[in-house]
N, C-alpha and C. Protein backbone atom coordinates (compact mmCIF):
# COMPACT_ATOMS: atom_id res chain seq x y z
N MET A 1 -10.01 -12.46 12.33
CA MET A 1 -9.40 -12.35 11.00
C MET A 1 -9.13 -13.74 10.44
N PRO A 2 -9.23 -13.90 9.14
CA PRO A 2 -8.99 -15.22 8.55
C PRO A 2 -7.57 -15.70 8.77
N GLU A 3 -7.42 -16.98 8.96
CA GLU A 3 -6.10 -17.57 9.10
C GLU A 3 -5.50 -17.80 7.72
N VAL A 4 -4.19 -18.02 7.69
CA VAL A 4 -3.51 -18.22 6.41
C VAL A 4 -4.06 -19.42 5.67
N ASN A 5 -4.35 -20.52 6.38
CA ASN A 5 -4.82 -21.72 5.69
C ASN A 5 -6.17 -21.47 5.02
N GLU A 6 -6.99 -20.61 5.60
CA GLU A 6 -8.25 -20.26 4.96
C GLU A 6 -8.00 -19.49 3.67
N THR A 7 -7.01 -18.58 3.71
CA THR A 7 -6.67 -17.81 2.52
C THR A 7 -6.19 -18.74 1.41
N THR A 8 -5.35 -19.70 1.77
CA THR A 8 -4.82 -20.64 0.78
C THR A 8 -5.92 -21.50 0.19
N ALA A 9 -6.85 -21.93 1.02
CA ALA A 9 -7.93 -22.80 0.55
C ALA A 9 -8.82 -22.07 -0.45
N THR A 10 -9.15 -20.84 -0.17
CA THR A 10 -10.01 -20.11 -1.09
C THR A 10 -9.26 -19.77 -2.36
N ALA A 11 -7.98 -19.58 -2.27
CA ALA A 11 -7.21 -19.23 -3.46
C ALA A 11 -7.25 -20.34 -4.50
N ARG A 12 -7.36 -21.59 -4.07
CA ARG A 12 -7.39 -22.71 -5.01
C ARG A 12 -8.68 -22.72 -5.83
N ARG A 13 -9.74 -22.16 -5.26
CA ARG A 13 -11.01 -22.20 -5.96
C ARG A 13 -11.14 -21.08 -6.99
N GLY A 14 -10.31 -20.04 -6.87
CA GLY A 14 -10.37 -18.94 -7.81
C GLY A 14 -11.48 -17.98 -7.43
N PRO A 15 -11.45 -16.74 -7.95
CA PRO A 15 -12.43 -15.72 -7.59
C PRO A 15 -13.79 -16.00 -8.20
N PRO A 16 -14.87 -15.59 -7.53
CA PRO A 16 -16.20 -15.79 -8.09
C PRO A 16 -16.42 -14.87 -9.28
N THR A 17 -17.05 -15.39 -10.32
CA THR A 17 -17.35 -14.56 -11.49
C THR A 17 -18.84 -14.54 -11.80
N ARG A 18 -19.66 -15.16 -10.95
CA ARG A 18 -21.09 -15.18 -11.17
C ARG A 18 -21.78 -14.66 -9.92
N GLY A 19 -23.09 -14.45 -10.03
CA GLY A 19 -23.85 -14.08 -8.85
C GLY A 19 -23.86 -12.61 -8.54
N HIS A 20 -23.53 -11.76 -9.49
CA HIS A 20 -23.57 -10.33 -9.26
C HIS A 20 -24.92 -9.78 -9.69
N GLY A 21 -25.33 -8.74 -9.00
CA GLY A 21 -26.63 -8.16 -9.28
C GLY A 21 -26.68 -7.48 -10.64
N GLY A 22 -27.88 -7.16 -11.09
CA GLY A 22 -28.05 -6.53 -12.39
C GLY A 22 -27.75 -5.06 -12.34
N GLY A 23 -28.12 -4.38 -13.41
CA GLY A 23 -27.90 -2.94 -13.48
C GLY A 23 -26.43 -2.63 -13.59
N GLN A 24 -26.00 -1.54 -12.91
CA GLN A 24 -24.60 -1.12 -12.97
C GLN A 24 -23.67 -2.18 -12.42
N GLY A 25 -24.13 -2.99 -11.48
CA GLY A 25 -23.25 -3.94 -10.83
C GLY A 25 -23.01 -5.20 -11.62
N GLU A 26 -23.70 -5.40 -12.71
CA GLU A 26 -23.56 -6.64 -13.45
C GLU A 26 -22.29 -6.63 -14.30
N LEU A 27 -21.54 -7.74 -14.24
CA LEU A 27 -20.34 -7.87 -15.07
C LEU A 27 -20.80 -8.35 -16.44
N SER A 28 -21.21 -7.42 -17.28
CA SER A 28 -21.92 -7.78 -18.50
C SER A 28 -21.04 -7.84 -19.74
N THR A 29 -19.81 -7.32 -19.67
CA THR A 29 -18.95 -7.31 -20.85
C THR A 29 -17.61 -7.98 -20.52
N PRO A 30 -16.91 -8.47 -21.55
CA PRO A 30 -15.58 -9.05 -21.31
C PRO A 30 -14.62 -8.08 -20.63
N ALA A 31 -14.72 -6.78 -20.97
CA ALA A 31 -13.84 -5.79 -20.34
C ALA A 31 -14.14 -5.69 -18.85
N ASP A 32 -15.43 -5.70 -18.48
CA ASP A 32 -15.81 -5.67 -17.06
C ASP A 32 -15.22 -6.86 -16.32
N VAL A 33 -15.39 -8.03 -16.91
CA VAL A 33 -14.90 -9.24 -16.27
C VAL A 33 -13.38 -9.20 -16.14
N SER A 34 -12.69 -8.73 -17.17
CA SER A 34 -11.23 -8.68 -17.16
C SER A 34 -10.72 -7.76 -16.06
N ARG A 35 -11.33 -6.56 -15.95
CA ARG A 35 -10.89 -5.62 -14.92
C ARG A 35 -11.19 -6.16 -13.53
N TYR A 36 -12.36 -6.72 -13.35
CA TYR A 36 -12.74 -7.29 -12.06
C TYR A 36 -11.80 -8.41 -11.65
N LEU A 37 -11.53 -9.34 -12.57
CA LEU A 37 -10.65 -10.47 -12.27
C LEU A 37 -9.23 -9.99 -11.96
N SER A 38 -8.77 -8.98 -12.69
CA SER A 38 -7.44 -8.45 -12.44
C SER A 38 -7.34 -7.83 -11.06
N ASP A 39 -8.35 -7.01 -10.69
CA ASP A 39 -8.36 -6.38 -9.37
C ASP A 39 -8.42 -7.44 -8.27
N PHE A 40 -9.29 -8.42 -8.46
CA PHE A 40 -9.46 -9.47 -7.45
C PHE A 40 -8.17 -10.28 -7.30
N ALA A 41 -7.54 -10.61 -8.42
CA ALA A 41 -6.32 -11.42 -8.38
C ALA A 41 -5.18 -10.68 -7.67
N ARG A 42 -5.05 -9.38 -7.95
CA ARG A 42 -4.00 -8.61 -7.28
C ARG A 42 -4.22 -8.56 -5.79
N LEU A 43 -5.47 -8.33 -5.39
CA LEU A 43 -5.78 -8.26 -3.97
C LEU A 43 -5.52 -9.60 -3.30
N GLU A 44 -5.93 -10.69 -3.96
CA GLU A 44 -5.73 -12.01 -3.39
C GLU A 44 -4.23 -12.32 -3.25
N TRP A 45 -3.43 -11.91 -4.23
CA TRP A 45 -1.99 -12.12 -4.18
C TRP A 45 -1.38 -11.42 -2.97
N TYR A 46 -1.79 -10.16 -2.75
CA TYR A 46 -1.25 -9.41 -1.62
C TYR A 46 -1.72 -9.97 -0.29
N VAL A 47 -2.95 -10.45 -0.23
CA VAL A 47 -3.44 -11.07 1.00
C VAL A 47 -2.55 -12.25 1.39
N GLY A 48 -2.21 -13.08 0.40
CA GLY A 48 -1.33 -14.21 0.68
C GLY A 48 0.04 -13.77 1.16
N LYS A 49 0.57 -12.68 0.59
CA LYS A 49 1.90 -12.21 0.97
C LYS A 49 1.92 -11.62 2.38
N VAL A 50 0.94 -10.76 2.68
CA VAL A 50 0.98 -10.09 3.98
C VAL A 50 0.67 -11.05 5.12
N ALA A 51 -0.11 -12.08 4.85
CA ALA A 51 -0.49 -13.00 5.91
C ALA A 51 0.68 -13.84 6.42
N ILE A 52 1.76 -13.93 5.64
CA ILE A 52 2.92 -14.68 6.09
C ILE A 52 4.07 -13.75 6.49
N ALA A 53 3.83 -12.45 6.49
CA ALA A 53 4.86 -11.49 6.89
C ALA A 53 5.02 -11.47 8.40
N VAL A 54 6.12 -10.91 8.84
CA VAL A 54 6.40 -10.76 10.28
C VAL A 54 6.70 -9.29 10.54
N ASP A 55 5.97 -8.69 11.45
CA ASP A 55 6.19 -7.28 11.78
C ASP A 55 7.53 -7.08 12.47
N GLU A 56 8.16 -5.94 12.17
CA GLU A 56 9.37 -5.53 12.87
C GLU A 56 9.01 -4.43 13.87
N ALA A 57 9.94 -4.16 14.78
CA ALA A 57 9.71 -3.10 15.77
C ALA A 57 9.59 -1.77 15.05
N PRO A 58 8.51 -1.02 15.29
CA PRO A 58 8.31 0.24 14.57
C PRO A 58 9.13 1.39 15.17
N ILE A 59 9.37 2.40 14.34
CA ILE A 59 10.04 3.61 14.77
C ILE A 59 9.06 4.47 15.57
N SER A 60 9.54 5.08 16.64
CA SER A 60 8.68 5.93 17.48
C SER A 60 8.76 7.38 17.02
N SER A 61 7.82 8.17 17.48
CA SER A 61 7.81 9.60 17.13
C SER A 61 9.03 10.30 17.70
N GLN A 62 9.56 9.82 18.84
CA GLN A 62 10.73 10.44 19.44
C GLN A 62 11.95 10.33 18.52
N GLU A 63 12.05 9.24 17.78
CA GLU A 63 13.18 9.06 16.87
C GLU A 63 13.13 10.06 15.72
N PHE A 64 11.93 10.51 15.37
CA PHE A 64 11.82 11.50 14.30
C PHE A 64 12.21 12.89 14.78
N SER A 65 12.18 13.11 16.07
CA SER A 65 12.49 14.44 16.60
C SER A 65 13.95 14.82 16.38
N THR A 66 14.79 13.84 16.07
CA THR A 66 16.21 14.12 15.83
C THR A 66 16.47 14.59 14.40
N ILE A 67 15.44 14.53 13.54
CA ILE A 67 15.60 14.94 12.14
C ILE A 67 15.18 16.40 12.00
N GLY A 68 16.06 17.22 11.49
CA GLY A 68 15.74 18.63 11.30
C GLY A 68 14.73 18.83 10.19
N PRO A 69 13.96 19.91 10.24
CA PRO A 69 12.94 20.18 9.21
C PRO A 69 13.52 20.22 7.80
N ALA A 70 14.74 20.74 7.66
CA ALA A 70 15.35 20.84 6.33
C ALA A 70 15.71 19.48 5.76
N ALA A 71 16.00 18.52 6.65
CA ALA A 71 16.42 17.19 6.20
C ALA A 71 15.24 16.25 5.96
N LEU A 72 14.09 16.60 6.52
CA LEU A 72 12.94 15.69 6.45
C LEU A 72 12.51 15.34 5.03
N PRO A 73 12.43 16.30 4.10
CA PRO A 73 11.98 15.95 2.74
C PRO A 73 12.88 14.93 2.05
N ASP A 74 14.17 14.90 2.40
CA ASP A 74 15.11 13.96 1.77
C ASP A 74 15.25 12.66 2.55
N THR A 75 14.38 12.45 3.51
CA THR A 75 14.44 11.25 4.34
C THR A 75 13.72 10.09 3.67
N LEU A 76 14.33 8.92 3.71
CA LEU A 76 13.74 7.70 3.19
C LEU A 76 13.27 6.83 4.34
N LEU A 77 12.15 6.15 4.13
CA LEU A 77 11.57 5.30 5.17
C LEU A 77 11.41 3.88 4.65
N THR A 78 11.60 2.93 5.54
CA THR A 78 11.27 1.54 5.24
C THR A 78 10.00 1.19 6.01
N LEU A 79 9.02 0.64 5.31
CA LEU A 79 7.75 0.28 5.95
C LEU A 79 7.69 -1.21 6.23
N GLN A 80 6.72 -1.59 7.04
CA GLN A 80 6.54 -3.00 7.38
C GLN A 80 6.42 -3.85 6.11
N SER A 81 6.97 -5.06 6.15
CA SER A 81 6.93 -5.92 4.97
C SER A 81 5.51 -6.41 4.66
N GLY A 82 4.66 -6.49 5.67
CA GLY A 82 3.29 -6.94 5.45
C GLY A 82 2.35 -5.81 5.10
N LEU A 83 2.76 -5.02 4.10
CA LEU A 83 2.00 -3.83 3.75
C LEU A 83 2.03 -3.67 2.23
N HIS A 84 0.85 -3.55 1.63
CA HIS A 84 0.76 -3.35 0.18
C HIS A 84 -0.44 -2.46 -0.12
N TYR A 85 -0.44 -1.88 -1.32
CA TYR A 85 -1.50 -0.96 -1.71
C TYR A 85 -2.06 -1.35 -3.07
N VAL A 86 -3.38 -1.30 -3.18
CA VAL A 86 -4.07 -1.69 -4.40
C VAL A 86 -5.00 -0.56 -4.84
N ASP A 87 -4.83 -0.14 -6.08
CA ASP A 87 -5.73 0.82 -6.71
C ASP A 87 -6.63 0.00 -7.63
N ALA A 88 -7.90 -0.13 -7.27
CA ALA A 88 -8.80 -1.01 -8.01
C ALA A 88 -9.97 -0.23 -8.59
N SER A 89 -10.52 -0.75 -9.68
CA SER A 89 -11.68 -0.12 -10.31
C SER A 89 -12.99 -0.76 -9.86
N TRP A 90 -12.89 -1.77 -9.00
CA TRP A 90 -14.05 -2.40 -8.39
C TRP A 90 -13.81 -2.53 -6.88
N PRO A 91 -14.85 -2.47 -6.04
CA PRO A 91 -14.68 -2.61 -4.59
C PRO A 91 -14.43 -4.07 -4.19
N VAL A 92 -13.33 -4.61 -4.68
CA VAL A 92 -13.06 -6.04 -4.48
C VAL A 92 -12.72 -6.37 -3.03
N ASP A 93 -12.39 -5.37 -2.22
CA ASP A 93 -12.12 -5.65 -0.81
C ASP A 93 -13.39 -6.14 -0.10
N GLU A 94 -14.54 -5.57 -0.48
CA GLU A 94 -15.80 -6.01 0.12
C GLU A 94 -16.09 -7.46 -0.25
N LEU A 95 -15.90 -7.77 -1.53
CA LEU A 95 -16.16 -9.12 -1.99
C LEU A 95 -15.17 -10.11 -1.40
N MET A 96 -13.90 -9.71 -1.31
CA MET A 96 -12.88 -10.59 -0.75
C MET A 96 -13.18 -10.92 0.71
N THR A 97 -13.67 -9.94 1.46
CA THR A 97 -14.01 -10.18 2.86
C THR A 97 -15.09 -11.24 2.98
N LEU A 98 -16.12 -11.15 2.14
CA LEU A 98 -17.18 -12.16 2.15
C LEU A 98 -16.66 -13.50 1.65
N TYR A 99 -15.85 -13.45 0.63
CA TYR A 99 -15.37 -14.67 -0.01
C TYR A 99 -14.49 -15.50 0.92
N LEU A 100 -13.56 -14.85 1.61
CA LEU A 100 -12.67 -15.57 2.50
C LEU A 100 -13.40 -16.10 3.73
N ALA A 101 -14.44 -15.38 4.15
CA ALA A 101 -15.23 -15.84 5.29
C ALA A 101 -16.25 -16.90 4.89
N GLU A 102 -16.32 -17.18 3.58
CA GLU A 102 -17.26 -18.17 3.04
C GLU A 102 -18.71 -17.84 3.41
N THR A 103 -19.00 -16.53 3.40
CA THR A 103 -20.36 -16.08 3.70
C THR A 103 -20.96 -15.32 2.52
N ALA A 104 -20.35 -15.46 1.34
CA ALA A 104 -20.85 -14.73 0.17
C ALA A 104 -22.28 -15.16 -0.17
N PRO A 105 -23.17 -14.22 -0.38
CA PRO A 105 -24.55 -14.56 -0.76
C PRO A 105 -24.61 -15.10 -2.18
N ASP A 106 -25.76 -15.66 -2.55
CA ASP A 106 -25.93 -16.16 -3.91
C ASP A 106 -25.78 -15.05 -4.93
N ARG A 107 -26.24 -13.86 -4.56
CA ARG A 107 -26.10 -12.70 -5.44
C ARG A 107 -25.48 -11.57 -4.64
N PHE A 108 -24.51 -10.89 -5.26
CA PHE A 108 -23.83 -9.79 -4.59
C PHE A 108 -23.73 -8.63 -5.57
N GLU A 109 -24.44 -7.55 -5.27
CA GLU A 109 -24.47 -6.40 -6.17
C GLU A 109 -23.22 -5.55 -5.94
N MET A 110 -22.50 -5.29 -7.01
CA MET A 110 -21.26 -4.55 -6.93
C MET A 110 -21.14 -3.63 -8.13
N SER A 111 -21.05 -2.34 -7.88
CA SER A 111 -20.93 -1.36 -8.96
C SER A 111 -19.48 -0.95 -9.11
N PRO A 112 -19.06 -0.63 -10.33
CA PRO A 112 -17.68 -0.15 -10.53
C PRO A 112 -17.43 1.09 -9.68
N ALA A 113 -16.30 1.13 -9.02
CA ALA A 113 -15.94 2.27 -8.18
C ALA A 113 -14.43 2.26 -7.97
N GLU A 114 -13.80 3.40 -8.15
CA GLU A 114 -12.37 3.50 -7.91
C GLU A 114 -12.13 3.47 -6.41
N VAL A 115 -11.35 2.51 -5.95
CA VAL A 115 -11.05 2.38 -4.53
C VAL A 115 -9.55 2.22 -4.34
N TRP A 116 -9.07 2.73 -3.22
CA TRP A 116 -7.65 2.63 -2.88
C TRP A 116 -7.57 1.87 -1.57
N ILE A 117 -6.93 0.72 -1.61
CA ILE A 117 -6.99 -0.23 -0.49
C ILE A 117 -5.60 -0.45 0.09
N GLU A 118 -5.50 -0.32 1.41
CA GLU A 118 -4.29 -0.72 2.11
C GLU A 118 -4.51 -2.14 2.63
N VAL A 119 -3.57 -3.02 2.30
CA VAL A 119 -3.61 -4.41 2.77
C VAL A 119 -2.50 -4.56 3.80
N ARG A 120 -2.87 -4.84 5.03
CA ARG A 120 -1.89 -4.95 6.12
C ARG A 120 -2.05 -6.30 6.79
N GLY A 121 -0.95 -6.97 7.06
CA GLY A 121 -1.05 -8.27 7.72
C GLY A 121 0.26 -8.74 8.28
N ALA A 122 0.18 -9.74 9.14
CA ALA A 122 1.36 -10.37 9.74
C ALA A 122 0.91 -11.59 10.52
N ARG A 123 1.76 -12.63 10.50
CA ARG A 123 1.56 -13.82 11.31
C ARG A 123 0.16 -14.43 11.15
N GLY A 124 -0.26 -14.59 9.92
CA GLY A 124 -1.51 -15.30 9.66
C GLY A 124 -2.76 -14.46 9.70
N GLU A 125 -2.64 -13.15 9.89
CA GLU A 125 -3.81 -12.28 9.93
C GLU A 125 -3.63 -11.14 8.94
N PHE A 126 -4.75 -10.54 8.55
CA PHE A 126 -4.68 -9.39 7.65
C PHE A 126 -5.96 -8.58 7.79
N HIS A 127 -5.90 -7.35 7.32
CA HIS A 127 -7.11 -6.54 7.24
C HIS A 127 -6.95 -5.52 6.12
N PHE A 128 -8.10 -4.99 5.68
CA PHE A 128 -8.14 -3.98 4.63
C PHE A 128 -8.51 -2.63 5.24
N LYS A 129 -7.98 -1.58 4.62
CA LYS A 129 -8.35 -0.22 5.03
C LYS A 129 -8.49 0.63 3.77
N ARG A 130 -9.61 1.32 3.65
CA ARG A 130 -9.83 2.21 2.51
C ARG A 130 -9.11 3.54 2.77
N LEU A 131 -8.43 4.03 1.75
CA LEU A 131 -7.76 5.32 1.80
C LEU A 131 -8.27 6.19 0.66
N ASP A 132 -8.00 7.50 0.74
CA ASP A 132 -8.30 8.32 -0.43
C ASP A 132 -7.09 8.25 -1.36
N ALA A 133 -7.25 8.78 -2.56
CA ALA A 133 -6.21 8.64 -3.59
C ALA A 133 -4.89 9.26 -3.16
N ALA A 134 -4.94 10.46 -2.55
CA ALA A 134 -3.71 11.15 -2.17
C ALA A 134 -2.96 10.40 -1.07
N GLU A 135 -3.68 9.96 -0.06
CA GLU A 135 -3.03 9.25 1.05
C GLU A 135 -2.43 7.93 0.57
N CYS A 136 -3.16 7.24 -0.30
CA CYS A 136 -2.66 5.98 -0.84
C CYS A 136 -1.40 6.23 -1.67
N THR A 137 -1.41 7.28 -2.48
CA THR A 137 -0.25 7.61 -3.30
C THR A 137 0.96 7.96 -2.42
N PHE A 138 0.73 8.72 -1.36
CA PHE A 138 1.80 9.07 -0.43
C PHE A 138 2.41 7.82 0.18
N ARG A 139 1.57 6.94 0.71
CA ARG A 139 2.06 5.74 1.38
C ARG A 139 2.75 4.79 0.41
N LYS A 140 2.15 4.59 -0.76
CA LYS A 140 2.75 3.68 -1.73
C LYS A 140 4.08 4.23 -2.24
N SER A 141 4.18 5.54 -2.41
CA SER A 141 5.43 6.15 -2.86
C SER A 141 6.53 5.93 -1.83
N VAL A 142 6.20 6.10 -0.55
CA VAL A 142 7.17 5.84 0.52
C VAL A 142 7.56 4.36 0.50
N LEU A 143 6.57 3.49 0.36
CA LEU A 143 6.84 2.05 0.33
C LEU A 143 7.75 1.68 -0.84
N ASP A 144 7.60 2.37 -1.96
CA ASP A 144 8.39 2.08 -3.16
C ASP A 144 9.81 2.67 -3.10
N GLY A 145 10.15 3.34 -2.00
CA GLY A 145 11.51 3.84 -1.82
C GLY A 145 11.72 5.30 -2.16
N ARG A 146 10.64 6.05 -2.36
CA ARG A 146 10.78 7.47 -2.63
C ARG A 146 10.90 8.25 -1.32
N SER A 147 11.53 9.40 -1.38
CA SER A 147 11.71 10.22 -0.18
C SER A 147 10.37 10.78 0.29
N ILE A 148 10.35 11.26 1.52
CA ILE A 148 9.13 11.87 2.06
C ILE A 148 8.71 13.05 1.19
N GLY A 149 9.68 13.85 0.77
CA GLY A 149 9.36 15.01 -0.04
C GLY A 149 8.76 14.64 -1.39
N GLU A 150 9.34 13.65 -2.05
CA GLU A 150 8.81 13.23 -3.35
C GLU A 150 7.44 12.59 -3.20
N ALA A 151 7.27 11.79 -2.15
CA ALA A 151 5.97 11.16 -1.91
C ALA A 151 4.90 12.23 -1.67
N ALA A 152 5.27 13.28 -0.92
CA ALA A 152 4.33 14.37 -0.65
C ALA A 152 3.95 15.10 -1.94
N GLU A 153 4.94 15.34 -2.80
CA GLU A 153 4.66 16.02 -4.07
C GLU A 153 3.68 15.22 -4.92
N ARG A 154 3.87 13.91 -4.97
CA ARG A 154 2.97 13.06 -5.76
C ARG A 154 1.55 13.12 -5.20
N ALA A 155 1.44 13.10 -3.88
CA ALA A 155 0.12 13.17 -3.26
C ALA A 155 -0.53 14.53 -3.50
N LEU A 156 0.26 15.59 -3.40
CA LEU A 156 -0.28 16.94 -3.61
C LEU A 156 -0.70 17.17 -5.05
N ASP A 157 -0.09 16.47 -5.99
CA ASP A 157 -0.52 16.56 -7.38
C ASP A 157 -1.95 16.06 -7.55
N LEU A 158 -2.36 15.12 -6.69
CA LEU A 158 -3.72 14.58 -6.76
C LEU A 158 -4.70 15.39 -5.94
N ASN A 159 -4.21 15.94 -4.82
CA ASN A 159 -5.09 16.69 -3.93
C ASN A 159 -4.27 17.78 -3.25
N ALA A 160 -4.52 19.01 -3.66
CA ALA A 160 -3.76 20.14 -3.10
C ALA A 160 -4.01 20.32 -1.61
N GLY A 161 -5.06 19.72 -1.09
CA GLY A 161 -5.37 19.83 0.32
C GLY A 161 -4.70 18.77 1.18
N PHE A 162 -3.95 17.88 0.55
CA PHE A 162 -3.28 16.83 1.33
C PHE A 162 -2.25 17.44 2.27
N ASP A 163 -2.22 16.96 3.52
CA ASP A 163 -1.29 17.45 4.53
C ASP A 163 -0.19 16.41 4.73
N PRO A 164 1.02 16.64 4.21
CA PRO A 164 2.10 15.66 4.36
C PRO A 164 2.45 15.38 5.81
N GLY A 165 2.34 16.41 6.67
CA GLY A 165 2.64 16.20 8.09
C GLY A 165 1.68 15.21 8.72
N GLU A 166 0.41 15.35 8.39
CA GLU A 166 -0.58 14.41 8.92
C GLU A 166 -0.37 13.02 8.32
N GLY A 167 0.01 12.98 7.04
CA GLY A 167 0.26 11.69 6.40
C GLY A 167 1.41 10.95 7.06
N LEU A 168 2.47 11.68 7.39
CA LEU A 168 3.62 11.08 8.06
C LEU A 168 3.25 10.66 9.48
N ALA A 169 2.51 11.52 10.17
CA ALA A 169 2.10 11.20 11.55
C ALA A 169 1.25 9.93 11.59
N ALA A 170 0.42 9.74 10.57
CA ALA A 170 -0.42 8.55 10.52
C ALA A 170 0.43 7.29 10.34
N LEU A 171 1.48 7.39 9.54
CA LEU A 171 2.38 6.24 9.36
C LEU A 171 3.06 5.89 10.68
N ILE A 172 3.49 6.92 11.40
CA ILE A 172 4.15 6.69 12.69
C ILE A 172 3.18 6.08 13.70
N ALA A 173 1.99 6.69 13.80
CA ALA A 173 1.00 6.22 14.77
C ALA A 173 0.55 4.79 14.47
N GLY A 174 0.55 4.42 13.20
CA GLY A 174 0.13 3.08 12.83
C GLY A 174 1.21 2.03 12.99
N GLY A 175 2.41 2.45 13.43
CA GLY A 175 3.50 1.51 13.60
C GLY A 175 3.98 0.92 12.28
N LEU A 176 3.90 1.70 11.20
CA LEU A 176 4.21 1.18 9.88
C LEU A 176 5.65 1.42 9.44
N ILE A 177 6.39 2.27 10.16
CA ILE A 177 7.76 2.61 9.77
C ILE A 177 8.75 1.79 10.60
N THR A 178 9.71 1.18 9.92
CA THR A 178 10.69 0.34 10.63
C THR A 178 12.10 0.92 10.63
N THR A 179 12.46 1.68 9.62
CA THR A 179 13.79 2.32 9.60
C THR A 179 13.71 3.69 8.95
N ILE A 180 14.67 4.55 9.32
CA ILE A 180 14.81 5.89 8.76
C ILE A 180 16.22 6.02 8.22
N ARG A 181 16.35 6.60 7.03
CA ARG A 181 17.68 6.85 6.49
C ARG A 181 17.62 8.07 5.58
N GLN A 182 18.76 8.68 5.36
CA GLN A 182 18.84 9.86 4.51
C GLN A 182 19.23 9.49 3.09
N MET A 183 18.73 10.25 2.14
CA MET A 183 19.14 10.06 0.75
C MET A 183 20.62 10.37 0.62
N PRO A 184 21.33 9.66 -0.26
CA PRO A 184 22.75 9.97 -0.50
C PRO A 184 22.91 11.41 -0.97
N ASP A 185 23.89 12.08 -0.43
CA ASP A 185 24.17 13.45 -0.85
C ASP A 185 25.03 13.38 -2.10
N GLU A 186 24.39 13.46 -3.27
CA GLU A 186 25.11 13.29 -4.54
C GLU A 186 26.15 14.39 -4.73
N ALA A 187 25.82 15.58 -4.25
CA ALA A 187 26.76 16.68 -4.42
C ALA A 187 28.03 16.42 -3.63
N ASN A 188 27.84 15.99 -2.37
CA ASN A 188 29.01 15.69 -1.55
C ASN A 188 29.78 14.51 -2.09
N ASP A 189 29.06 13.50 -2.57
CA ASP A 189 29.72 12.33 -3.14
C ASP A 189 30.56 12.72 -4.34
N SER A 190 30.00 13.60 -5.18
CA SER A 190 30.70 14.03 -6.38
C SER A 190 31.94 14.83 -6.02
N ALA A 191 31.78 15.71 -5.01
CA ALA A 191 32.92 16.53 -4.60
C ALA A 191 34.03 15.67 -4.00
N ALA A 192 33.63 14.69 -3.21
CA ALA A 192 34.61 13.80 -2.59
C ALA A 192 35.35 12.99 -3.66
N SER A 193 34.61 12.55 -4.67
CA SER A 193 35.22 11.78 -5.74
C SER A 193 36.21 12.63 -6.53
N LYS A 194 35.83 13.88 -6.79
CA LYS A 194 36.71 14.79 -7.54
C LYS A 194 37.98 15.07 -6.75
N GLN A 195 37.84 15.27 -5.42
CA GLN A 195 38.99 15.53 -4.59
C GLN A 195 39.94 14.34 -4.59
N LYS A 196 39.37 13.14 -4.55
CA LYS A 196 40.18 11.92 -4.56
C LYS A 196 40.96 11.82 -5.87
N ASN A 197 40.29 12.12 -6.97
CA ASN A 197 40.95 12.07 -8.26
C ASN A 197 42.07 13.08 -8.36
N ASP A 198 41.85 14.27 -7.80
CA ASP A 198 42.90 15.32 -7.81
C ASP A 198 44.09 14.86 -6.99
N ASP A 199 43.81 14.21 -5.85
CA ASP A 199 44.90 13.76 -4.98
C ASP A 199 45.72 12.67 -5.64
N ASP A 200 45.06 11.88 -6.51
CA ASP A 200 45.76 10.77 -7.17
C ASP A 200 46.67 11.24 -8.31
N LEU A 201 46.42 12.46 -8.79
CA LEU A 201 47.21 12.96 -9.90
C LEU A 201 48.62 13.35 -9.45
């Protein structure tokens, strides 16, 4: 995997904007170039961030066994800091891999394609993983602080066949979860506050 100093060195040169093949893969319009550069820049930014992250000890599957089925949808998870998700309209992960390795050919044919990329890294290393739209939405929703239940609903809106149980199991197996916590019980908080106010009267 590329070292951090290699990532920094390539970042100074900026993304390649020439040398793409003709046909569908050619960046022939300003809009094409703008979208490509935006996707590439976001991916490059995340590569730099994850490569300097430090992994924390992950949560094990045994720790999840203490959570009852009824409480699971309202559970919040914290994921590894070296983890980000990119929804791109170009397969910029393929180009970035060549670019950072300094093995990019003179011409590289690239056609527009919606891709969902997981960027994972720590201690000077990183890698990319392609996900489908539902799985990416589930993981990014969890990363953004949404509950497991809400993340599952967002993923199911994209793909009714998405299995939230498998999605959660994959996060656990990948060592991506660092903490578990429950959503605040607003009803209980409200009741407690009302009781306190009554007692003060």
